[in-house]
C-alpha atoms as a PDB file:
ATOM      1  CA  ALA A   1     178.661 248.847 109.134  1.00  0.00           C
ATOM      2  CA  LEU A   2     178.916 245.722 107.043  1.00  0.00           C
ATOM      3  CA  SER A   3     180.322 242.665 108.738  1.00  0.00           C
ATOM      4  CA  GLY A   4     182.652 240.341 106.876  1.00  0.00           C
ATOM      5  CA  ALA A   5     180.129 237.519 107.256  1.00  0.00           C
ATOM      6  CA  LEU A   6     177.547 239.462 105.263  1.00  0.00           C
ATOM      7  CA  VAL A   7     179.796 240.489 102.409  1.00  0.00           C
ATOM      8  CA  ASP A   8     180.739 238.393  99.376  1.00  0.00           C
ATOM      9  CA  GLY A   9     183.634 240.516  98.046  1.00  0.00           C
ATOM     10  CA  ALA A  10     186.012 242.750  99.971  1.00  0.00           C
ATOM     11  CA  ILE A  11     186.625 244.996  96.961  1.00  0.00           C
ATOM     12  CA  ALA A  12     182.910 245.251  96.271  1.00  0.00           C
ATOM     13  CA  ALA A  13     182.323 246.182  99.916  1.00  0.00           C
ATOM     14  CA  ARG A  14     184.887 248.989  99.754  1.00  0.00           C
ATOM     15  CA  LEU A  15     183.408 250.267  96.516  1.00  0.00           C
ATOM     16  CA  ALA A  16     179.865 250.077  97.891  1.00  0.00           C
ATOM     17  CA  ARG A  17     180.894 252.145 100.913  1.00  0.00           C
ATOM     18  CA  SER A  18     182.439 254.785  98.666  1.00  0.00           C
ATOM     19  CA  TRP A  19     179.435 254.885  96.306  1.00  0.00           C
ATOM     20  CA  HIS A  20     176.524 254.667  98.767  1.00  0.00           C
ATOM     21  CA  PRO A  21     176.066 256.194 102.235  1.00  0.00           C
ATOM     22  CA  HIS A  22     174.420 253.039 103.662  1.00  0.00           C
ATOM     23  CA  PRO A  23     175.184 249.988 101.503  1.00  0.00           C
ATOM     24  CA  THR A  24     173.296 246.807 102.225  1.00  0.00           C
ATOM     25  CA  PRO A  25     174.792 243.325 101.909  1.00  0.00           C
ATOM     26  CA  GLU A  26     172.543 242.828  98.854  1.00  0.00           C
ATOM     27  CA  LEU A  27     174.051 245.905  97.196  1.00  0.00           C
ATOM     28  CA  VAL A  28     177.569 244.626  97.879  1.00  0.00           C
ATOM     29  CA  ARG A  29     176.636 241.267  96.359  1.00  0.00           C
ATOM     30  CA  ALA A  30     175.176 242.974  93.277  1.00  0.00           C
ATOM     31  CA  ILE A  31     178.299 245.103  92.814  1.00  0.00           C
ATOM     32  CA  ASP A  32     180.474 242.024  93.288  1.00  0.00           C
ATOM     33  CA  ARG A  33     178.480 240.145  90.658  1.00  0.00           C
ATOM     34  CA  ALA A  34     178.774 243.064  88.223  1.00  0.00           C
ATOM     35  CA  LEU A  35     182.544 243.184  88.758  1.00  0.00           C
ATOM     36  CA  VAL A  36     182.858 239.474  88.003  1.00  0.00           C
ATOM     37  CA  LEU A  37     180.576 239.570  84.959  1.00  0.00           C
ATOM     38  CA  LEU A  38     182.410 242.531  83.426  1.00  0.00           C
ATOM     39  CA  ALA A  39     186.034 241.761  84.341  1.00  0.00           C
ATOM     40  CA  ASP A  40     186.995 240.761  80.823  1.00  0.00           C
ATOM     41  CA  HIS A  41     185.175 240.180  77.605  1.00  0.00           C
ATOM     42  CA  GLU A  42     187.581 238.490  75.244  1.00  0.00           C
ATOM     43  CA  LEU A  43     188.715 241.168  72.794  1.00  0.00           C
ATOM     44  CA  ALA A  44     186.175 243.926  73.330  1.00  0.00           C
ATOM     45  CA  THR A  45     187.299 247.298  72.000  1.00  0.00           C
ATOM     46  CA  SER A  46     188.741 248.519  75.305  1.00  0.00           C
ATOM     47  CA  THR A  47     190.677 245.281  75.806  1.00  0.00           C
ATOM     48  CA  LEU A  48     191.952 245.521  72.239  1.00  0.00           C
ATOM     49  CA  ALA A  49     193.071 249.109  72.926  1.00  0.00           C
ATOM     50  CA  VAL A  50     194.992 247.925  75.988  1.00  0.00           C
ATOM     51  CA  ARG A  51     196.613 245.123  73.998  1.00  0.00           C
ATOM     52  CA  ILE A  52     197.614 247.483  71.182  1.00  0.00           C
ATOM     53  CA  ALA A  53     199.104 249.970  73.644  1.00  0.00           C
ATOM     54  CA  THR A  54     201.051 247.284  75.459  1.00  0.00           C
ATOM     55  CA  SER A  55     202.242 245.731  72.165  1.00  0.00           C
ATOM     56  CA  VAL A  56     204.386 248.816  71.546  1.00  0.00           C
ATOM     57  CA  ARG A  57     205.890 248.420  75.033  1.00  0.00           C
ATOM     58  CA  THR A  58     204.093 251.330  76.670  1.00  0.00           C
ATOM     59  CA  ASP A  59     203.910 251.238  80.450  1.00  0.00           C
ATOM     60  CA  ALA A  60     200.885 249.807  82.262  1.00  0.00           C
ATOM     61  CA  TYR A  61     199.472 253.243  83.118  1.00  0.00           C
ATOM     62  CA  ALA A  62     199.395 254.286  79.467  1.00  0.00           C
ATOM     63  CA  ALA A  63     197.856 250.937  78.478  1.00  0.00           C
ATOM     64  CA  PHE A  64     195.145 251.365  81.113  1.00  0.00           C
ATOM     65  CA  GLY A  65     194.656 254.916  79.829  1.00  0.00           C
ATOM     66  CA  ALA A  66     194.053 253.584  76.315  1.00  0.00           C
ATOM     67  CA  GLY A  67     191.418 251.211  77.677  1.00  0.00           C
ATOM     68  CA  LEU A  68     189.748 253.900  79.767  1.00  0.00           C
ATOM     69  CA  ALA A  69     189.663 256.296  76.807  1.00  0.00           C
ATOM     70  CA  THR A  70     187.906 253.635  74.755  1.00  0.00           C
ATOM     71  CA  LEU A  71     185.386 253.051  77.543  1.00  0.00           C
ATOM     72  CA  THR A  72     184.119 256.626  77.186  1.00  0.00           C
ATOM     73  CA  GLY A  73     182.438 255.713  73.898  1.00  0.00           C
ATOM     74  CA  VAL A  74     178.648 255.500  73.924  1.00  0.00           C
ATOM     75  CA  LEU A  75     178.825 252.150  72.140  1.00  0.00           C
ATOM     76  CA  HIS A  76     180.977 250.719  74.921  1.00  0.00           C
ATOM     77  CA  GLY A  77     181.387 251.803  78.554  1.00  0.00           C
ATOM     78  CA  SER A  78     179.212 254.920  78.472  1.00  0.00           C
ATOM     79  CA  SER A  79     176.105 253.078  77.340  1.00  0.00           C
ATOM     80  CA  ALA A  80     175.067 252.378  80.941  1.00  0.00           C
ATOM     81  CA  ALA A  81     174.836 256.122  81.649  1.00  0.00           C
ATOM     82  CA  GLY A  82     172.411 256.520  78.744  1.00  0.00           C
ATOM     83  CA  ALA A  83     170.359 253.592  80.000  1.00  0.00           C
ATOM     84  CA  ALA A  84     170.318 255.136  83.484  1.00  0.00           C
ATOM     85  CA  ALA A  85     168.965 258.366  81.980  1.00  0.00           C
ATOM     86  CA  LEU A  86     166.281 256.316  80.231  1.00  0.00           C
ATOM     87  CA  LEU A  87     165.246 254.726  83.538  1.00  0.00           C
ATOM     88  CA  ALA A  88     165.142 258.126  85.252  1.00  0.00           C
ATOM     89  CA  ASP A  89     162.957 259.488  82.438  1.00  0.00           C
ATOM     90  CA  ALA A  90     160.722 256.421  82.664  1.00  0.00           C
ATOM     91  CA  ALA A  91     160.261 257.010  86.391  1.00  0.00           C
ATOM     92  CA  GLU A  92     159.131 260.558  85.687  1.00  0.00           C
ATOM     93  CA  ASP A  93     157.243 260.320  82.379  1.00  0.00           C
ATOM     94  CA  GLY A  94     156.408 256.621  82.086  1.00  0.00           C
ATOM     95  CA  PRO A  95     158.248 253.916  80.140  1.00  0.00           C
ATOM     96  CA  VAL A  96     156.540 254.426  76.774  1.00  0.00           C
ATOM     97  CA  ALA A  97     157.089 258.189  76.753  1.00  0.00           C
ATOM     98  CA  ALA A  98     160.734 257.773  77.794  1.00  0.00           C
ATOM     99  CA  ILE A  99     161.432 255.200  75.081  1.00  0.00           C
ATOM    100  CA  ARG A 100     159.567 257.184  72.415  1.00  0.00           C
ATOM    101  CA  GLY A 101     161.450 260.308  73.486  1.00  0.00           C
ATOM    102  CA  VAL A 102     164.681 258.598  72.479  1.00  0.00           C
ATOM    103  CA  LEU A 103     163.480 256.751  69.388  1.00  0.00           C
ATOM    104  CA  ASP A 104     161.572 259.720  67.936  1.00  0.00           C
ATOM    105  CA  THR A 105     164.830 261.684  67.753  1.00  0.00           C
ATOM    106  CA  GLY A 106     166.504 258.923  65.742  1.00  0.00           C
ATOM    107  CA  ARG A 107     168.861 257.904  68.540  1.00  0.00           C
ATOM    108  CA  ARG A 108     169.471 254.309  69.530  1.00  0.00           C
ATOM    109  CA  LEU A 109     168.194 253.066  72.871  1.00  0.00           C
ATOM    110  CA  SER A 110     171.188 252.871  75.237  1.00  0.00           C
ATOM    111  CA  GLY A 111     171.486 249.543  76.975  1.00  0.00           C
ATOM    112  CA  PHE A 112     169.845 247.614  74.142  1.00  0.00           C
ATOM    113  CA  GLY A 113     171.535 245.589  71.418  1.00  0.00           C
ATOM    114  CA  HIS A 114     175.039 244.140  71.341  1.00  0.00           C
ATOM    115  CA  SER A 115     177.444 243.574  68.478  1.00  0.00           C
ATOM    116  CA  VAL A 116     178.329 240.064  69.703  1.00  0.00           C
ATOM    117  CA  TYR A 117     175.240 238.935  71.631  1.00  0.00           C
ATOM    118  CA  ARG A 118     172.588 239.495  69.012  1.00  0.00           C
ATOM    119  CA  THR A 119     170.054 237.112  70.581  1.00  0.00           C
ATOM    120  CA  GLY A 120     170.643 238.189  74.176  1.00  0.00           C
ATOM    121  CA  ASP A 121     173.505 239.116  76.480  1.00  0.00           C
ATOM    122  CA  PRO A 122     174.185 236.151  78.803  1.00  0.00           C
ATOM    123  CA  ARG A 123     175.526 238.515  81.492  1.00  0.00           C
ATOM    124  CA  LEU A 124     172.207 240.350  81.832  1.00  0.00           C
ATOM    125  CA  ASP A 125     170.095 237.738  83.643  1.00  0.00           C
ATOM    126  CA  PRO A 126     172.633 237.023  86.432  1.00  0.00           C
ATOM    127  CA  LEU A 127     173.058 240.764  86.998  1.00  0.00           C
ATOM    128  CA  LEU A 128     169.303 241.416  87.031  1.00  0.00           C
ATOM    129  CA  GLU A 129     168.880 238.533  89.482  1.00  0.00           C
ATOM    130  CA  ALA A 130     171.192 240.384  91.890  1.00  0.00           C
ATOM    131  CA  VAL A 131     169.352 243.665  91.249  1.00  0.00           C
ATOM    132  CA  ARG A 132     165.984 242.025  92.000  1.00  0.00           C
ATOM    133  CA  ALA A 133     167.390 240.958  95.392  1.00  0.00           C
ATOM    134  CA  LEU A 134     168.093 244.590  96.381  1.00  0.00           C
ATOM    135  CA  PRO A 135     165.847 246.279  98.928  1.00  0.00           C
ATOM    136  CA  ASP A 136     163.422 248.285  96.792  1.00  0.00           C
ATOM    137  CA  PRO A 137     160.885 250.155  98.927  1.00  0.00           C
ATOM    138  CA  SER A 138     160.199 252.637  96.103  1.00  0.00           C
ATOM    139  CA  GLY A 139     159.298 249.937  93.575  1.00  0.00           C
ATOM    140  CA  ARG A 140     162.025 250.975  91.147  1.00  0.00           C
ATOM    141  CA  TYR A 141     162.505 247.461  89.806  1.00  0.00           C
ATOM    142  CA  GLU A 142     158.954 247.644  88.445  1.00  0.00           C
ATOM    143  CA  ILE A 143     160.137 250.531  86.251  1.00  0.00           C
ATOM    144  CA  VAL A 144     163.101 248.453  85.046  1.00  0.00           C
ATOM    145  CA  ASP A 145     160.723 245.610  84.135  1.00  0.00           C
ATOM    146  CA  ALA A 146     158.294 247.990  82.433  1.00  0.00           C
ATOM    147  CA  VAL A 147     161.040 249.552  80.294  1.00  0.00           C
ATOM    148  CA  MET A 148     162.241 246.115  79.162  1.00  0.00           C
ATOM    149  CA  ARG A 149     158.691 245.015  78.413  1.00  0.00           C
ATOM    150  CA  GLU A 150     157.772 248.170  76.468  1.00  0.00           C
ATOM    151  CA  ALA A 151     161.070 248.231  74.571  1.00  0.00           C
ATOM    152  CA  SER A 152     160.551 244.637  73.432  1.00  0.00           C
ATOM    153  CA  GLY A 153     157.386 245.757  71.659  1.00  0.00           C
ATOM    154  CA  LEU A 154     159.074 248.715  69.946  1.00  0.00           C
ATOM    155  CA  ILE A 155     162.564 247.530  68.964  1.00  0.00           C
ATOM    156  CA  VAL A 156     164.231 244.272  67.983  1.00  0.00           C
ATOM    157  CA  ALA A 157     167.375 244.810  70.078  1.00  0.00           C
ATOM    158  CA  ARG A 158     167.345 243.099  73.452  1.00  0.00           C
ATOM    159  CA  PRO A 159     168.614 244.607  76.713  1.00  0.00           C
ATOM    160  CA  ASN A 160     172.291 244.068  77.436  1.00  0.00           C
ATOM    161  CA  VAL A 161     174.587 244.186  80.468  1.00  0.00           C
ATOM    162  CA  ASP A 162     174.767 247.996  80.231  1.00  0.00           C
ATOM    163  CA  PHE A 163     171.030 248.078  80.909  1.00  0.00           C
ATOM    164  CA  GLY A 164     171.698 245.754  83.856  1.00  0.00           C
ATOM    165  CA  LEU A 165     174.313 248.188  85.196  1.00  0.00           C
ATOM    166  CA  ALA A 166     171.828 251.037  84.824  1.00  0.00           C
ATOM    167  CA  ALA A 167     169.239 248.958  86.706  1.00  0.00           C
ATOM    168  CA  LEU A 168     171.794 248.322  89.464  1.00  0.00           C
ATOM    169  CA  SER A 169     172.460 252.046  89.836  1.00  0.00           C
ATOM    170  CA  PHE A 170     168.771 252.955  89.582  1.00  0.00           C
ATOM    171  CA  VAL A 171     167.415 250.395  92.049  1.00  0.00           C
ATOM    172  CA  GLY A 172     170.501 250.401  94.287  1.00  0.00           C
ATOM    173  CA  GLY A 173     170.521 254.158  94.791  1.00  0.00           C
ATOM    174  CA  LEU A 174     173.917 254.727  93.180  1.00  0.00           C
ATOM    175  CA  ASP A 175     174.873 257.712  91.054  1.00  0.00           C
ATOM    176  CA  ALA A 176     174.414 256.900  87.372  1.00  0.00           C
ATOM    177  CA  ASP A 177     178.092 257.602  86.716  1.00  0.00           C
ATOM    178  CA  VAL A 178     179.677 255.194  89.215  1.00  0.00           C
ATOM    179  CA  PRO A 179     182.479 253.489  87.257  1.00  0.00           C
ATOM    180  CA  ILE A 180     181.549 249.844  87.871  1.00  0.00           C
ATOM    181  CA  PHE A 181     182.270 248.927  84.256  1.00  0.00           C
ATOM    182  CA  ALA A 182     185.699 250.607  84.293  1.00  0.00           C
ATOM    183  CA  VAL A 183     186.730 249.133  87.653  1.00  0.00           C
ATOM    184  CA  ALA A 184     185.761 245.662  86.478  1.00  0.00           C
ATOM    185  CA  ARG A 185     187.601 246.004  83.173  1.00  0.00           C
ATOM    186  CA  VAL A 186     190.832 247.189  84.792  1.00  0.00           C
ATOM    187  CA  ALA A 187     191.115 243.785  86.467  1.00  0.00           C
ATOM    188  CA  GLY A 188     190.623 242.028  83.133  1.00  0.00           C
ATOM    189  CA  TRP A 189     193.008 244.337  81.268  1.00  0.00           C
ATOM    190  CA  ALA A 190     195.783 243.612  83.764  1.00  0.00           C
ATOM    191  CA  ALA A 191     195.913 240.066  82.431  1.00  0.00           C
ATOM    192  CA  HIS A 192     196.644 241.429  78.933  1.00  0.00           C
ATOM    193  CA  ILE A 193     199.545 243.655  79.947  1.00  0.00           C
ATOM    194  CA  GLU A 194     203.003 242.124  79.863  1.00  0.00           C
END
């Protein structure tokens, strides 16, 4: 069990317990950091969807639904799942083969590039710092580093916070589809609903 003294965020601790059978304090801290970094992002598409829904005086549940529907897009909230698949493939086939497997089919590399942060996502480094602090007896962070290194030689786009979320799931032993992004955004969207 996690003691209150070891845990940064009570919500993050509850989420960690529901997403992992034996969460460590480092995992709780990483989830807490992800929640803070992703809570709101000015007028990202999901936040805009929430604002549009609420502007016509829909109720809060419908406004949240509009935001959640927008998050399912691969260019928004679902990008982390694609990046998690990339990391899983890299663990099995090696980073170069995993990256080439995506690029050779003409698809974009999930978790790389951002429409606003063209020279680098400022949320990535603080999230990766928390991921590096996770217990990692299997050496999974080395795979994360290798994918970033190899991708930098093959594409111009830099890793973004979705890649950081994928790294958190991959190294932290979470399912790739845990809704960290959505949970974080709900808190930010609430501020936009009248």
